[in-house]
Amino acid sequence: MGKRRARRQFNDDFKRRVVAETYAAGTSVSVVARRHDINADLLFRWRDDPRYAFQEQSFLPVELSTVDEACT
């Protein structure tokens, strides 16, 4: 019998960073997976997981209003 590899654990920051790499223009998921020595199927699972989803930074409109002293 062959030796089994120890199961590797990846932290959430690493997963988010690798998933973000897959969304770069002209980048292949399998190339990114090979670069980080992980299985492409695992990387596709991370892409589907909302915890590691790639989100571009966006800003939401905010309206500020003064507080009326009569309300407090």
N, C-alpha and C. Protein backbone atom coordinates (compact mmCIF):
# COMPACT_ATOMS: atom_id res chain seq x y z
N MET A 1 0.84 -1.19 0.00
CA MET A 1 0.00 0.00 0.00
C MET A 1 0.88 1.24 0.00
N GLY A 2 0.45 2.24 -0.74
CA GLY A 2 1.18 3.50 -0.80
C GLY A 2 0.86 4.38 0.38
N LYS A 3 1.72 5.34 0.59
CA LYS A 3 1.48 6.29 1.68
C LYS A 3 0.41 7.29 1.26
N ARG A 4 -0.42 7.65 2.20
CA ARG A 4 -1.44 8.65 1.93
C ARG A 4 -0.89 10.02 2.30
N ARG A 5 -1.18 10.99 1.47
CA ARG A 5 -0.77 12.36 1.77
C ARG A 5 -1.63 12.90 2.88
N ALA A 6 -1.03 13.66 3.75
CA ALA A 6 -1.80 14.31 4.81
C ALA A 6 -2.75 15.32 4.18
N ARG A 7 -3.91 15.41 4.72
CA ARG A 7 -4.90 16.34 4.19
C ARG A 7 -4.47 17.78 4.53
N ARG A 8 -4.33 18.59 3.50
CA ARG A 8 -3.91 19.98 3.72
C ARG A 8 -5.11 20.84 4.09
N GLN A 9 -4.86 21.84 4.88
CA GLN A 9 -5.90 22.79 5.25
C GLN A 9 -5.47 24.17 4.81
N PHE A 10 -6.39 24.90 4.22
CA PHE A 10 -6.11 26.23 3.70
C PHE A 10 -6.94 27.24 4.48
N ASN A 11 -6.33 28.36 4.83
CA ASN A 11 -7.10 29.37 5.56
C ASN A 11 -7.99 30.16 4.60
N ASP A 12 -8.95 30.87 5.15
CA ASP A 12 -9.93 31.58 4.33
C ASP A 12 -9.30 32.67 3.47
N ASP A 13 -8.29 33.35 3.98
CA ASP A 13 -7.64 34.40 3.19
C ASP A 13 -6.98 33.82 1.94
N PHE A 14 -6.34 32.68 2.09
CA PHE A 14 -5.71 32.02 0.95
C PHE A 14 -6.77 31.65 -0.09
N LYS A 15 -7.88 31.10 0.36
CA LYS A 15 -8.94 30.69 -0.56
C LYS A 15 -9.50 31.89 -1.32
N ARG A 16 -9.75 32.99 -0.60
CA ARG A 16 -10.27 34.20 -1.27
C ARG A 16 -9.27 34.73 -2.29
N ARG A 17 -8.00 34.73 -1.94
CA ARG A 17 -6.97 35.24 -2.84
C ARG A 17 -6.87 34.40 -4.11
N VAL A 18 -6.91 33.06 -3.94
CA VAL A 18 -6.80 32.18 -5.10
C VAL A 18 -8.06 32.29 -5.97
N VAL A 19 -9.22 32.35 -5.35
CA VAL A 19 -10.47 32.51 -6.12
C VAL A 19 -10.44 33.82 -6.90
N ALA A 20 -9.95 34.89 -6.29
CA ALA A 20 -9.88 36.18 -6.98
C ALA A 20 -8.97 36.08 -8.20
N GLU A 21 -7.89 35.29 -8.11
CA GLU A 21 -6.99 35.12 -9.25
C GLU A 21 -7.71 34.50 -10.44
N THR A 22 -8.68 33.64 -10.19
CA THR A 22 -9.36 32.95 -11.28
C THR A 22 -10.26 33.87 -12.09
N TYR A 23 -10.61 35.03 -11.53
CA TYR A 23 -11.49 35.96 -12.23
C TYR A 23 -10.73 36.99 -13.05
N ALA A 24 -9.41 36.94 -13.05
CA ALA A 24 -8.63 37.86 -13.89
C ALA A 24 -8.87 37.52 -15.35
N ALA A 25 -8.87 38.53 -16.19
CA ALA A 25 -9.14 38.34 -17.61
C ALA A 25 -8.10 37.41 -18.24
N GLY A 26 -8.60 36.42 -18.98
CA GLY A 26 -7.73 35.50 -19.69
C GLY A 26 -7.06 34.44 -18.83
N THR A 27 -7.52 34.29 -17.59
CA THR A 27 -6.91 33.31 -16.69
C THR A 27 -7.74 32.04 -16.65
N SER A 28 -7.07 30.91 -16.69
CA SER A 28 -7.73 29.61 -16.62
C SER A 28 -7.72 29.10 -15.18
N VAL A 29 -8.84 28.55 -14.75
CA VAL A 29 -8.93 28.02 -13.39
C VAL A 29 -7.92 26.90 -13.19
N SER A 30 -7.74 26.05 -14.19
CA SER A 30 -6.80 24.95 -14.03
C SER A 30 -5.35 25.43 -13.94
N VAL A 31 -5.03 26.52 -14.62
CA VAL A 31 -3.67 27.07 -14.53
C VAL A 31 -3.43 27.62 -13.12
N VAL A 32 -4.41 28.33 -12.59
CA VAL A 32 -4.29 28.86 -11.23
C VAL A 32 -4.17 27.71 -10.23
N ALA A 33 -4.97 26.67 -10.42
CA ALA A 33 -4.92 25.52 -9.51
C ALA A 33 -3.54 24.87 -9.55
N ARG A 34 -2.99 24.68 -10.74
CA ARG A 34 -1.65 24.07 -10.85
C ARG A 34 -0.59 24.95 -10.21
N ARG A 35 -0.72 26.25 -10.38
CA ARG A 35 0.24 27.19 -9.80
C ARG A 35 0.30 27.06 -8.28
N HIS A 36 -0.85 26.77 -7.67
CA HIS A 36 -0.92 26.67 -6.21
C HIS A 36 -0.93 25.22 -5.73
N ASP A 37 -0.74 24.28 -6.65
CA ASP A 37 -0.67 22.85 -6.33
C ASP A 37 -1.94 22.36 -5.62
N ILE A 38 -3.09 22.75 -6.18
CA ILE A 38 -4.37 22.25 -5.68
C ILE A 38 -5.17 21.70 -6.85
N ASN A 39 -6.17 20.90 -6.56
CA ASN A 39 -7.01 20.29 -7.57
C ASN A 39 -7.97 21.33 -8.13
N ALA A 40 -8.16 21.34 -9.44
CA ALA A 40 -9.05 22.31 -10.08
C ALA A 40 -10.49 22.15 -9.59
N ASP A 41 -10.91 20.91 -9.32
CA ASP A 41 -12.27 20.69 -8.81
C ASP A 41 -12.46 21.37 -7.45
N LEU A 42 -11.43 21.33 -6.62
CA LEU A 42 -11.50 22.00 -5.33
C LEU A 42 -11.63 23.50 -5.52
N LEU A 43 -10.88 24.03 -6.45
CA LEU A 43 -10.94 25.47 -6.72
C LEU A 43 -12.32 25.87 -7.26
N PHE A 44 -12.90 25.04 -8.11
CA PHE A 44 -14.26 25.32 -8.58
C PHE A 44 -15.26 25.29 -7.42
N ARG A 45 -15.07 24.40 -6.46
CA ARG A 45 -15.95 24.38 -5.28
C ARG A 45 -15.80 25.65 -4.46
N TRP A 46 -14.57 26.12 -4.31
CA TRP A 46 -14.35 27.38 -3.59
C TRP A 46 -15.03 28.54 -4.31
N ARG A 47 -14.99 28.53 -5.64
CA ARG A 47 -15.64 29.61 -6.40
C ARG A 47 -17.15 29.61 -6.18
N ASP A 48 -17.75 28.44 -5.97
CA ASP A 48 -19.20 28.35 -5.76
C ASP A 48 -19.60 28.69 -4.33
N ASP A 49 -18.65 28.65 -3.41
CA ASP A 49 -18.93 28.88 -2.00
C ASP A 49 -19.02 30.39 -1.74
N PRO A 50 -20.14 30.87 -1.21
CA PRO A 50 -20.29 32.32 -0.99
C PRO A 50 -19.29 32.89 0.02
N ARG A 51 -18.72 32.06 0.87
CA ARG A 51 -17.73 32.58 1.83
C ARG A 51 -16.47 33.06 1.14
N TYR A 52 -16.16 32.49 -0.02
CA TYR A 52 -14.92 32.84 -0.71
C TYR A 52 -15.19 33.54 -2.04
N ALA A 53 -16.43 33.93 -2.26
CA ALA A 53 -16.81 34.54 -3.53
C ALA A 53 -16.02 35.81 -3.77
N PHE A 54 -15.63 35.99 -5.01
CA PHE A 54 -14.89 37.18 -5.40
C PHE A 54 -15.87 38.33 -5.49
N GLN A 55 -15.56 39.40 -4.77
CA GLN A 55 -16.42 40.58 -4.81
C GLN A 55 -15.56 41.79 -5.06
N GLU A 56 -15.89 42.48 -6.13
CA GLU A 56 -15.19 43.74 -6.35
C GLU A 56 -15.70 44.73 -5.33
N GLN A 57 -14.81 45.59 -4.91
CA GLN A 57 -15.23 46.60 -3.94
C GLN A 57 -16.18 47.56 -4.61
N SER A 58 -17.25 47.83 -3.94
CA SER A 58 -18.20 48.79 -4.47
C SER A 58 -18.71 49.64 -3.31
N PHE A 59 -19.19 50.77 -3.64
CA PHE A 59 -19.68 51.68 -2.63
C PHE A 59 -21.18 51.85 -2.79
N LEU A 60 -21.84 51.95 -1.67
CA LEU A 60 -23.29 52.16 -1.68
C LEU A 60 -23.57 53.61 -1.36
N PRO A 61 -24.59 54.18 -1.96
CA PRO A 61 -24.91 55.58 -1.64
C PRO A 61 -25.44 55.69 -0.21
N VAL A 62 -25.01 56.72 0.46
CA VAL A 62 -25.43 56.95 1.83
C VAL A 62 -25.95 58.37 1.93
N GLU A 63 -27.08 58.52 2.58
CA GLU A 63 -27.64 59.85 2.80
C GLU A 63 -27.51 60.18 4.28
N LEU A 64 -26.96 61.33 4.56
CA LEU A 64 -26.82 61.79 5.93
C LEU A 64 -27.84 62.88 6.18
N SER A 65 -28.42 62.83 7.34
CA SER A 65 -29.36 63.87 7.69
C SER A 65 -29.04 64.35 9.10
N THR A 66 -29.42 65.56 9.39
CA THR A 66 -29.16 66.09 10.73
C THR A 66 -30.23 65.55 11.68
N VAL A 67 -29.84 65.39 12.90
CA VAL A 67 -30.78 64.90 13.92
C VAL A 67 -31.48 66.10 14.52
N ASP A 68 -32.80 66.04 14.52
CA ASP A 68 -33.59 67.11 15.10
C ASP A 68 -33.59 66.93 16.61
N GLU A 69 -33.24 68.00 17.35
CA GLU A 69 -33.14 67.88 18.80
C GLU A 69 -34.49 67.59 19.44
N ALA A 70 -35.57 67.89 18.79
CA ALA A 70 -36.89 67.63 19.33
C ALA A 70 -37.17 66.13 19.36
N CYS A 71 -36.49 65.37 18.51
CA CYS A 71 -36.71 63.92 18.45
C CYS A 71 -35.95 63.19 19.53
N THR A 72 -34.95 63.81 20.12
CA THR A 72 -34.14 63.10 21.10
C THR A 72 -34.60 63.26 22.50
